[in-house]
Amino acid sequence: MSKIGKLPVAIPAGVTASLDGQTVKVKGPKGSLEVTLVEEIEAAIEGSELKVSMRGDTTRHKAMWGMSRTLVANLVEGVTKGFEKKLEITGVGYKAAVQGKNLNLALGYSHDVIFPIPEGIQIVTPKPTEVVITGIDRQKVGQVAAEIREFRGPEPYKGKGVKYAGEFIFRKEGKKK
């Protein structure tokens, strides 16, 4: 049995969850989200808990069970608390600034990189070398953070570039004389 799949998802006060066939809709204080579960999985609301179960017993059913439960749990957490990713920028002259609906990044190129902020995502720069991405959709927050990091990933020799906060960059030794 799946250790994750068999756990029920608690629905806190102030959050409403509804089922429409295979679609789970969750509405809370920060907004509303929905996810469509695969055919191998069924969901049921029992009181203030949402339970996810398998319809069969194949390997695919077992694989989708835990994932589906986690997707539903992320919906509930997103509409109550939200998600956040922090990026750190390292390098001389490397900086970031939010200008309107765009994130302006100076990353050592001959031009500034302008990243349009997607709908449902908030980006703030408390310091020029720090970018904080917040939103209610975990997948979207992670995707935006990955796209920003991709503009100039951290390099292993000097550690310059954009990295996740707390990420360890394995450093290499430079060329010997």
N, C-alpha and C. Protein backbone atom coordinates (compact mmCIF):
# COMPACT_ATOMS: atom_id res chain seq x y z
N MET A 1 0.82 -1.20 0.00
CA MET A 1 0.00 0.00 0.00
C MET A 1 0.86 1.24 0.00
N SER A 2 0.33 2.27 -0.61
CA SER A 2 1.04 3.55 -0.67
C SER A 2 0.97 4.23 0.69
N LYS A 3 2.14 4.61 1.21
CA LYS A 3 2.18 5.31 2.50
C LYS A 3 1.53 6.69 2.38
N ILE A 4 1.69 7.30 1.20
CA ILE A 4 1.14 8.64 0.99
C ILE A 4 -0.33 8.56 0.59
N GLY A 5 -0.67 7.66 -0.33
CA GLY A 5 -2.02 7.57 -0.87
C GLY A 5 -3.09 7.27 0.15
N LYS A 6 -2.75 6.45 1.15
CA LYS A 6 -3.79 6.06 2.11
C LYS A 6 -4.11 7.15 3.14
N LEU A 7 -3.29 8.20 3.23
CA LEU A 7 -3.56 9.28 4.17
C LEU A 7 -4.67 10.18 3.62
N PRO A 8 -5.66 10.51 4.43
CA PRO A 8 -6.69 11.44 3.96
C PRO A 8 -6.17 12.87 3.95
N VAL A 9 -6.74 13.70 3.08
CA VAL A 9 -6.37 15.11 3.01
C VAL A 9 -7.37 15.89 3.87
N ALA A 10 -6.87 16.54 4.91
CA ALA A 10 -7.74 17.31 5.80
C ALA A 10 -8.15 18.61 5.11
N ILE A 11 -9.43 18.93 5.19
CA ILE A 11 -9.95 20.18 4.62
C ILE A 11 -10.19 21.13 5.79
N PRO A 12 -9.33 22.17 5.95
CA PRO A 12 -9.48 23.08 7.09
C PRO A 12 -10.71 23.95 6.98
N ALA A 13 -11.05 24.62 8.09
CA ALA A 13 -12.19 25.54 8.11
C ALA A 13 -11.90 26.71 7.17
N GLY A 14 -12.91 27.15 6.44
CA GLY A 14 -12.74 28.24 5.50
C GLY A 14 -12.39 27.78 4.10
N VAL A 15 -12.22 26.47 3.93
CA VAL A 15 -11.91 25.90 2.62
C VAL A 15 -13.04 24.97 2.22
N THR A 16 -13.51 25.10 0.98
CA THR A 16 -14.55 24.21 0.47
C THR A 16 -13.99 23.39 -0.67
N ALA A 17 -14.30 22.10 -0.64
CA ALA A 17 -13.86 21.19 -1.70
C ALA A 17 -15.09 20.57 -2.33
N SER A 18 -15.06 20.39 -3.65
CA SER A 18 -16.18 19.77 -4.34
C SER A 18 -15.65 18.84 -5.43
N LEU A 19 -16.44 17.82 -5.72
CA LEU A 19 -16.10 16.85 -6.76
C LEU A 19 -17.07 16.98 -7.91
N ASP A 20 -16.54 16.94 -9.13
CA ASP A 20 -17.35 16.95 -10.33
C ASP A 20 -16.77 15.90 -11.25
N GLY A 21 -17.20 14.65 -11.08
CA GLY A 21 -16.61 13.55 -11.84
C GLY A 21 -15.20 13.30 -11.36
N GLN A 22 -14.21 13.47 -12.23
CA GLN A 22 -12.81 13.28 -11.87
C GLN A 22 -12.12 14.59 -11.49
N THR A 23 -12.86 15.69 -11.48
CA THR A 23 -12.28 17.00 -11.17
C THR A 23 -12.52 17.35 -9.71
N VAL A 24 -11.44 17.69 -9.02
CA VAL A 24 -11.51 18.14 -7.63
C VAL A 24 -11.31 19.64 -7.64
N LYS A 25 -12.28 20.38 -7.08
CA LYS A 25 -12.19 21.85 -7.01
C LYS A 25 -12.08 22.25 -5.55
N VAL A 26 -11.13 23.13 -5.28
CA VAL A 26 -10.90 23.60 -3.92
C VAL A 26 -10.91 25.12 -3.93
N LYS A 27 -11.68 25.69 -2.99
CA LYS A 27 -11.78 27.15 -2.90
C LYS A 27 -11.44 27.56 -1.47
N GLY A 28 -10.58 28.56 -1.33
CA GLY A 28 -10.15 29.00 -0.01
C GLY A 28 -9.95 30.50 0.03
N PRO A 29 -9.34 31.00 1.12
CA PRO A 29 -9.16 32.44 1.27
C PRO A 29 -8.22 33.07 0.23
N LYS A 30 -7.28 32.32 -0.32
CA LYS A 30 -6.33 32.88 -1.30
C LYS A 30 -6.79 32.72 -2.74
N GLY A 31 -7.83 31.92 -2.99
CA GLY A 31 -8.31 31.72 -4.35
C GLY A 31 -8.89 30.33 -4.54
N SER A 32 -9.03 29.92 -5.79
CA SER A 32 -9.56 28.60 -6.07
C SER A 32 -8.69 27.89 -7.10
N LEU A 33 -8.57 26.57 -6.92
CA LEU A 33 -7.78 25.73 -7.81
C LEU A 33 -8.56 24.46 -8.12
N GLU A 34 -8.17 23.80 -9.20
CA GLU A 34 -8.79 22.52 -9.52
C GLU A 34 -7.78 21.62 -10.19
N VAL A 35 -8.00 20.32 -10.05
CA VAL A 35 -7.15 19.31 -10.69
C VAL A 35 -8.05 18.18 -11.18
N THR A 36 -7.73 17.65 -12.35
CA THR A 36 -8.46 16.51 -12.88
C THR A 36 -7.64 15.26 -12.63
N LEU A 37 -8.21 14.34 -11.88
CA LEU A 37 -7.51 13.10 -11.55
C LEU A 37 -7.60 12.11 -12.71
N VAL A 38 -6.63 11.20 -12.78
CA VAL A 38 -6.61 10.19 -13.84
C VAL A 38 -7.73 9.17 -13.58
N GLU A 39 -8.09 8.40 -14.60
CA GLU A 39 -9.21 7.46 -14.51
C GLU A 39 -8.98 6.34 -13.49
N GLU A 40 -7.72 6.01 -13.21
CA GLU A 40 -7.42 4.91 -12.27
C GLU A 40 -7.72 5.27 -10.82
N ILE A 41 -7.98 6.53 -10.55
CA ILE A 41 -8.15 7.03 -9.18
C ILE A 41 -9.55 7.58 -8.99
N GLU A 42 -10.11 7.37 -7.79
CA GLU A 42 -11.37 8.01 -7.45
C GLU A 42 -11.22 8.74 -6.12
N ALA A 43 -11.94 9.84 -5.98
CA ALA A 43 -11.88 10.65 -4.78
C ALA A 43 -13.27 10.71 -4.14
N ALA A 44 -13.28 10.84 -2.82
CA ALA A 44 -14.54 10.94 -2.08
C ALA A 44 -14.35 11.90 -0.92
N ILE A 45 -15.37 12.73 -0.69
CA ILE A 45 -15.33 13.67 0.44
C ILE A 45 -16.15 13.06 1.57
N GLU A 46 -15.48 12.89 2.72
CA GLU A 46 -16.14 12.33 3.90
C GLU A 46 -15.94 13.30 5.06
N GLY A 47 -16.97 14.07 5.34
CA GLY A 47 -16.88 15.06 6.41
C GLY A 47 -15.90 16.17 6.03
N SER A 48 -14.88 16.36 6.87
CA SER A 48 -13.88 17.39 6.58
C SER A 48 -12.59 16.76 6.05
N GLU A 49 -12.71 15.61 5.40
CA GLU A 49 -11.56 14.93 4.80
C GLU A 49 -11.87 14.53 3.38
N LEU A 50 -10.84 14.54 2.54
CA LEU A 50 -10.98 14.08 1.17
C LEU A 50 -10.08 12.85 1.03
N LYS A 51 -10.67 11.73 0.65
CA LYS A 51 -9.92 10.49 0.52
C LYS A 51 -9.76 10.12 -0.94
N VAL A 52 -8.58 9.63 -1.27
CA VAL A 52 -8.25 9.21 -2.63
C VAL A 52 -8.00 7.72 -2.58
N SER A 53 -8.61 6.98 -3.54
CA SER A 53 -8.43 5.52 -3.56
C SER A 53 -8.26 5.02 -4.98
N MET A 54 -7.73 3.80 -5.09
CA MET A 54 -7.50 3.18 -6.40
C MET A 54 -8.76 2.45 -6.85
N ARG A 55 -8.94 2.36 -8.17
CA ARG A 55 -10.06 1.60 -8.72
C ARG A 55 -9.65 0.17 -9.07
N GLY A 56 -8.36 -0.08 -9.14
CA GLY A 56 -7.84 -1.41 -9.47
C GLY A 56 -6.60 -1.68 -8.65
N ASP A 57 -5.80 -2.67 -9.09
CA ASP A 57 -4.62 -3.03 -8.32
C ASP A 57 -3.40 -3.27 -9.21
N THR A 58 -3.30 -2.55 -10.32
CA THR A 58 -2.13 -2.70 -11.18
C THR A 58 -1.01 -1.76 -10.73
N THR A 59 0.14 -1.89 -11.36
CA THR A 59 1.27 -1.03 -11.01
C THR A 59 0.94 0.43 -11.31
N ARG A 60 0.26 0.69 -12.40
CA ARG A 60 -0.10 2.08 -12.74
C ARG A 60 -1.06 2.66 -11.71
N HIS A 61 -2.03 1.86 -11.25
CA HIS A 61 -2.96 2.34 -10.22
C HIS A 61 -2.19 2.77 -8.97
N LYS A 62 -1.23 1.95 -8.57
CA LYS A 62 -0.45 2.25 -7.36
C LYS A 62 0.41 3.50 -7.56
N ALA A 63 0.97 3.66 -8.78
CA ALA A 63 1.81 4.82 -9.06
C ALA A 63 1.00 6.11 -9.03
N MET A 64 -0.21 6.08 -9.57
CA MET A 64 -1.05 7.28 -9.64
C MET A 64 -1.70 7.62 -8.30
N TRP A 65 -1.83 6.64 -7.42
CA TRP A 65 -2.53 6.85 -6.15
C TRP A 65 -1.84 7.90 -5.28
N GLY A 66 -0.57 7.71 -5.00
CA GLY A 66 0.16 8.65 -4.15
C GLY A 66 0.29 10.02 -4.80
N MET A 67 0.52 10.02 -6.12
CA MET A 67 0.67 11.29 -6.83
C MET A 67 -0.63 12.10 -6.78
N SER A 68 -1.75 11.42 -6.99
CA SER A 68 -3.05 12.10 -6.99
C SER A 68 -3.36 12.69 -5.62
N ARG A 69 -3.03 11.95 -4.57
CA ARG A 69 -3.27 12.44 -3.21
C ARG A 69 -2.42 13.68 -2.95
N THR A 70 -1.17 13.67 -3.41
CA THR A 70 -0.28 14.81 -3.23
C THR A 70 -0.77 16.02 -4.01
N LEU A 71 -1.29 15.81 -5.22
CA LEU A 71 -1.83 16.92 -6.00
C LEU A 71 -2.99 17.59 -5.27
N VAL A 72 -3.87 16.77 -4.70
CA VAL A 72 -5.03 17.31 -3.97
C VAL A 72 -4.55 18.04 -2.71
N ALA A 73 -3.56 17.47 -2.00
CA ALA A 73 -3.03 18.12 -0.79
C ALA A 73 -2.39 19.45 -1.14
N ASN A 74 -1.73 19.54 -2.30
CA ASN A 74 -1.13 20.80 -2.73
C ASN A 74 -2.17 21.86 -3.06
N LEU A 75 -3.33 21.43 -3.57
CA LEU A 75 -4.42 22.37 -3.82
C LEU A 75 -4.88 23.00 -2.50
N VAL A 76 -5.10 22.15 -1.50
CA VAL A 76 -5.59 22.62 -0.19
C VAL A 76 -4.56 23.54 0.45
N GLU A 77 -3.27 23.17 0.40
CA GLU A 77 -2.23 24.00 1.00
C GLU A 77 -2.08 25.32 0.24
N GLY A 78 -2.24 25.28 -1.08
CA GLY A 78 -2.11 26.48 -1.90
C GLY A 78 -3.16 27.52 -1.60
N VAL A 79 -4.42 27.09 -1.44
CA VAL A 79 -5.49 28.07 -1.20
C VAL A 79 -5.53 28.55 0.25
N THR A 80 -4.81 27.87 1.16
CA THR A 80 -4.75 28.34 2.54
C THR A 80 -3.48 29.15 2.82
N LYS A 81 -2.31 28.59 2.52
CA LYS A 81 -1.04 29.25 2.83
C LYS A 81 -0.35 29.83 1.60
N GLY A 82 -0.40 29.14 0.49
CA GLY A 82 0.32 29.55 -0.71
C GLY A 82 1.72 28.94 -0.71
N PHE A 83 2.44 29.13 -1.81
CA PHE A 83 3.78 28.57 -1.94
C PHE A 83 4.76 29.68 -2.26
N GLU A 84 6.03 29.44 -1.92
CA GLU A 84 7.06 30.46 -2.10
C GLU A 84 8.37 29.79 -2.50
N LYS A 85 9.07 30.39 -3.45
CA LYS A 85 10.42 29.97 -3.83
C LYS A 85 11.31 31.20 -3.79
N LYS A 86 12.51 31.03 -3.26
CA LYS A 86 13.46 32.13 -3.21
C LYS A 86 14.65 31.80 -4.11
N LEU A 87 15.09 32.79 -4.86
CA LEU A 87 16.26 32.67 -5.71
C LEU A 87 17.32 33.67 -5.24
N GLU A 88 18.58 33.26 -5.32
CA GLU A 88 19.68 34.15 -4.97
C GLU A 88 20.51 34.39 -6.22
N ILE A 89 20.93 35.64 -6.42
CA ILE A 89 21.74 36.00 -7.57
C ILE A 89 23.14 36.34 -7.07
N THR A 90 24.16 35.67 -7.63
CA THR A 90 25.54 35.88 -7.23
C THR A 90 26.35 36.31 -8.44
N GLY A 91 27.14 37.34 -8.30
CA GLY A 91 28.01 37.78 -9.38
C GLY A 91 28.12 39.30 -9.38
N VAL A 92 29.25 39.81 -9.82
CA VAL A 92 29.48 41.25 -9.86
C VAL A 92 28.56 41.87 -10.92
N GLY A 93 27.73 42.81 -10.50
CA GLY A 93 26.82 43.49 -11.43
C GLY A 93 25.54 42.72 -11.71
N TYR A 94 25.38 41.53 -11.16
CA TYR A 94 24.17 40.75 -11.38
C TYR A 94 23.10 41.26 -10.41
N LYS A 95 21.93 41.59 -10.95
CA LYS A 95 20.85 42.08 -10.08
C LYS A 95 19.50 41.88 -10.75
N ALA A 96 18.45 42.04 -9.95
CA ALA A 96 17.08 41.88 -10.43
C ALA A 96 16.23 43.02 -9.89
N ALA A 97 15.20 43.40 -10.66
CA ALA A 97 14.27 44.43 -10.23
C ALA A 97 12.93 44.19 -10.92
N VAL A 98 11.84 44.40 -10.18
CA VAL A 98 10.51 44.28 -10.75
C VAL A 98 10.10 45.64 -11.29
N GLN A 99 9.70 45.67 -12.57
CA GLN A 99 9.23 46.91 -13.19
C GLN A 99 7.87 46.63 -13.82
N GLY A 100 6.81 47.04 -13.13
CA GLY A 100 5.46 46.79 -13.62
C GLY A 100 5.14 45.30 -13.61
N LYS A 101 4.82 44.76 -14.78
CA LYS A 101 4.50 43.34 -14.89
C LYS A 101 5.67 42.52 -15.43
N ASN A 102 6.88 43.06 -15.33
CA ASN A 102 8.08 42.39 -15.82
C ASN A 102 9.14 42.31 -14.74
N LEU A 103 9.96 41.27 -14.81
CA LEU A 103 11.13 41.13 -13.96
C LEU A 103 12.33 41.44 -14.84
N ASN A 104 13.09 42.45 -14.46
CA ASN A 104 14.25 42.87 -15.23
C ASN A 104 15.50 42.29 -14.57
N LEU A 105 16.25 41.46 -15.30
CA LEU A 105 17.42 40.79 -14.77
C LEU A 105 18.68 41.26 -15.51
N ALA A 106 19.68 41.70 -14.76
CA ALA A 106 20.99 42.01 -15.33
C ALA A 106 21.91 40.86 -14.94
N LEU A 107 22.23 39.99 -15.91
CA LEU A 107 22.95 38.76 -15.61
C LEU A 107 24.27 38.64 -16.38
N GLY A 108 24.90 39.78 -16.68
CA GLY A 108 26.18 39.72 -17.33
C GLY A 108 26.13 39.60 -18.84
N TYR A 109 24.96 39.63 -19.43
CA TYR A 109 24.84 39.61 -20.88
C TYR A 109 24.96 41.04 -21.40
N SER A 110 25.05 41.21 -22.71
CA SER A 110 25.13 42.54 -23.30
C SER A 110 23.80 43.28 -23.21
N HIS A 111 22.75 42.56 -22.82
CA HIS A 111 21.42 43.15 -22.70
C HIS A 111 20.78 42.65 -21.40
N ASP A 112 19.79 43.37 -20.92
CA ASP A 112 19.03 42.92 -19.75
C ASP A 112 18.02 41.88 -20.19
N VAL A 113 17.80 40.88 -19.34
CA VAL A 113 16.79 39.87 -19.61
C VAL A 113 15.48 40.34 -19.00
N ILE A 114 14.43 40.42 -19.83
CA ILE A 114 13.13 40.86 -19.34
C ILE A 114 12.21 39.66 -19.32
N PHE A 115 11.73 39.29 -18.11
CA PHE A 115 10.87 38.13 -17.93
C PHE A 115 9.46 38.61 -17.58
N PRO A 116 8.45 38.36 -18.44
CA PRO A 116 7.08 38.76 -18.10
C PRO A 116 6.53 37.89 -16.98
N ILE A 117 5.97 38.52 -15.95
CA ILE A 117 5.44 37.78 -14.80
C ILE A 117 4.10 37.16 -15.19
N PRO A 118 3.97 35.82 -15.08
CA PRO A 118 2.72 35.16 -15.47
C PRO A 118 1.56 35.51 -14.53
N GLU A 119 0.35 35.26 -15.02
CA GLU A 119 -0.87 35.50 -14.24
C GLU A 119 -0.89 34.55 -13.04
N GLY A 120 -1.25 35.07 -11.87
CA GLY A 120 -1.36 34.23 -10.67
C GLY A 120 -0.05 34.10 -9.90
N ILE A 121 1.00 34.77 -10.35
CA ILE A 121 2.30 34.70 -9.70
C ILE A 121 2.70 36.11 -9.27
N GLN A 122 3.24 36.24 -8.05
CA GLN A 122 3.75 37.52 -7.58
C GLN A 122 5.26 37.38 -7.39
N ILE A 123 6.00 38.35 -7.89
CA ILE A 123 7.45 38.35 -7.73
C ILE A 123 7.85 39.65 -7.06
N VAL A 124 8.65 39.54 -5.99
CA VAL A 124 9.19 40.71 -5.32
C VAL A 124 10.70 40.55 -5.20
N THR A 125 11.39 41.68 -5.14
CA THR A 125 12.84 41.67 -4.97
C THR A 125 13.18 42.51 -3.74
N PRO A 126 13.24 41.86 -2.55
CA PRO A 126 13.57 42.61 -1.33
C PRO A 126 14.96 43.22 -1.39
N LYS A 127 15.90 42.51 -2.03
CA LYS A 127 17.25 43.02 -2.28
C LYS A 127 17.51 42.82 -3.77
N PRO A 128 18.43 43.59 -4.35
CA PRO A 128 18.72 43.40 -5.78
C PRO A 128 19.24 42.01 -6.13
N THR A 129 19.76 41.29 -5.13
CA THR A 129 20.31 39.96 -5.39
C THR A 129 19.40 38.85 -4.90
N GLU A 130 18.15 39.18 -4.60
CA GLU A 130 17.20 38.18 -4.09
C GLU A 130 15.87 38.33 -4.81
N VAL A 131 15.31 37.20 -5.25
CA VAL A 131 14.01 37.19 -5.93
C VAL A 131 13.11 36.23 -5.17
N VAL A 132 11.91 36.68 -4.78
CA VAL A 132 10.95 35.85 -4.08
C VAL A 132 9.71 35.68 -4.96
N ILE A 133 9.40 34.42 -5.26
CA ILE A 133 8.28 34.08 -6.14
C ILE A 133 7.20 33.44 -5.28
N THR A 134 5.97 33.98 -5.31
CA THR A 134 4.88 33.43 -4.52
C THR A 134 3.66 33.22 -5.40
N GLY A 135 2.80 32.28 -4.98
CA GLY A 135 1.57 31.99 -5.69
C GLY A 135 0.83 30.86 -5.01
N ILE A 136 -0.36 30.54 -5.52
CA ILE A 136 -1.14 29.48 -4.90
C ILE A 136 -0.96 28.13 -5.61
N ASP A 137 -0.45 28.15 -6.84
CA ASP A 137 -0.26 26.91 -7.61
C ASP A 137 1.20 26.48 -7.50
N ARG A 138 1.43 25.36 -6.81
CA ARG A 138 2.80 24.91 -6.55
C ARG A 138 3.57 24.65 -7.84
N GLN A 139 2.93 24.03 -8.81
CA GLN A 139 3.59 23.70 -10.07
C GLN A 139 4.02 24.97 -10.80
N LYS A 140 3.14 25.96 -10.81
CA LYS A 140 3.42 27.21 -11.52
C LYS A 140 4.56 27.98 -10.85
N VAL A 141 4.58 28.01 -9.52
CA VAL A 141 5.63 28.70 -8.78
C VAL A 141 6.99 28.04 -9.06
N GLY A 142 7.02 26.73 -9.03
CA GLY A 142 8.26 26.00 -9.31
C GLY A 142 8.72 26.19 -10.74
N GLN A 143 7.78 26.20 -11.69
CA GLN A 143 8.11 26.38 -13.10
C GLN A 143 8.70 27.76 -13.36
N VAL A 144 8.10 28.80 -12.77
CA VAL A 144 8.60 30.16 -12.95
C VAL A 144 10.00 30.28 -12.35
N ALA A 145 10.22 29.69 -11.16
CA ALA A 145 11.54 29.73 -10.54
C ALA A 145 12.57 29.02 -11.42
N ALA A 146 12.20 27.90 -12.01
CA ALA A 146 13.12 27.17 -12.87
C ALA A 146 13.44 27.95 -14.14
N GLU A 147 12.45 28.64 -14.70
CA GLU A 147 12.68 29.43 -15.91
C GLU A 147 13.60 30.61 -15.63
N ILE A 148 13.45 31.25 -14.48
CA ILE A 148 14.33 32.38 -14.13
C ILE A 148 15.75 31.87 -13.88
N ARG A 149 15.87 30.74 -13.20
CA ARG A 149 17.18 30.15 -12.92
C ARG A 149 17.88 29.75 -14.22
N GLU A 150 17.12 29.36 -15.22
CA GLU A 150 17.66 28.89 -16.48
C GLU A 150 18.37 29.99 -17.29
N PHE A 151 18.01 31.26 -17.04
CA PHE A 151 18.64 32.35 -17.77
C PHE A 151 20.15 32.38 -17.56
N ARG A 152 20.59 32.09 -16.32
CA ARG A 152 22.02 32.03 -16.02
C ARG A 152 22.17 31.14 -14.79
N GLY A 153 22.23 29.82 -15.04
CA GLY A 153 22.40 28.86 -13.94
C GLY A 153 23.74 29.05 -13.26
N PRO A 154 23.87 28.58 -12.03
CA PRO A 154 25.14 28.77 -11.32
C PRO A 154 26.26 27.95 -11.96
N GLU A 155 27.41 28.56 -12.11
CA GLU A 155 28.53 27.84 -12.71
C GLU A 155 29.45 27.33 -11.59
N PRO A 156 30.16 26.22 -11.83
CA PRO A 156 30.88 25.56 -10.73
C PRO A 156 32.22 26.17 -10.36
N TYR A 157 32.76 27.13 -11.12
CA TYR A 157 34.09 27.66 -10.83
C TYR A 157 34.06 28.84 -9.88
N LYS A 158 33.21 29.82 -10.14
CA LYS A 158 33.11 30.98 -9.25
C LYS A 158 31.77 31.02 -8.53
N GLY A 159 30.82 30.21 -8.94
CA GLY A 159 29.50 30.18 -8.30
C GLY A 159 28.59 31.30 -8.76
N LYS A 160 28.95 31.97 -9.87
CA LYS A 160 28.14 33.07 -10.36
C LYS A 160 26.87 32.53 -11.03
N GLY A 161 25.78 33.30 -10.92
CA GLY A 161 24.54 32.92 -11.58
C GLY A 161 23.36 32.98 -10.63
N VAL A 162 22.25 32.40 -11.08
CA VAL A 162 21.01 32.38 -10.30
C VAL A 162 20.84 30.99 -9.72
N LYS A 163 20.63 30.90 -8.41
CA LYS A 163 20.43 29.61 -7.76
C LYS A 163 19.28 29.71 -6.76
N TYR A 164 18.74 28.54 -6.40
CA TYR A 164 17.71 28.50 -5.37
C TYR A 164 18.34 28.84 -4.02
N ALA A 165 17.59 29.45 -3.13
CA ALA A 165 18.09 29.76 -1.79
C ALA A 165 18.38 28.45 -1.06
N GLY A 166 19.55 28.33 -0.51
CA GLY A 166 19.94 27.12 0.20
C GLY A 166 20.52 26.03 -0.69
N GLU A 167 20.56 26.25 -2.00
CA GLU A 167 21.10 25.24 -2.92
C GLU A 167 22.62 25.22 -2.79
N PHE A 168 23.20 24.02 -2.75
CA PHE A 168 24.64 23.87 -2.68
C PHE A 168 25.19 23.69 -4.08
N ILE A 169 26.15 24.52 -4.45
CA ILE A 169 26.78 24.41 -5.75
C ILE A 169 28.13 23.74 -5.56
N PHE A 170 28.30 22.57 -6.17
CA PHE A 170 29.56 21.85 -6.08
C PHE A 170 30.62 22.63 -6.85
N ARG A 171 31.65 23.05 -6.16
CA ARG A 171 32.67 23.90 -6.76
C ARG A 171 33.81 23.07 -7.30
N LYS A 172 34.34 23.51 -8.45
CA LYS A 172 35.48 22.85 -9.09
C LYS A 172 36.71 23.73 -8.92
N GLU A 173 37.87 23.08 -8.95
CA GLU A 173 39.12 23.81 -8.88
C GLU A 173 39.47 24.33 -10.27
N GLY A 174 40.04 25.51 -10.32
CA GLY A 174 40.41 26.10 -11.61
C GLY A 174 41.62 25.41 -12.23
N LYS A 175 42.02 25.92 -13.39
CA LYS A 175 43.12 25.36 -14.15
C LYS A 175 44.44 25.58 -13.40
N LYS A 176 45.31 24.58 -13.40
CA LYS A 176 46.63 24.69 -12.75
C LYS A 176 47.61 25.37 -13.69
N LYS A 177 48.56 26.10 -13.13
CA LYS A 177 49.59 26.75 -13.95
C LYS A 177 50.73 25.82 -14.23
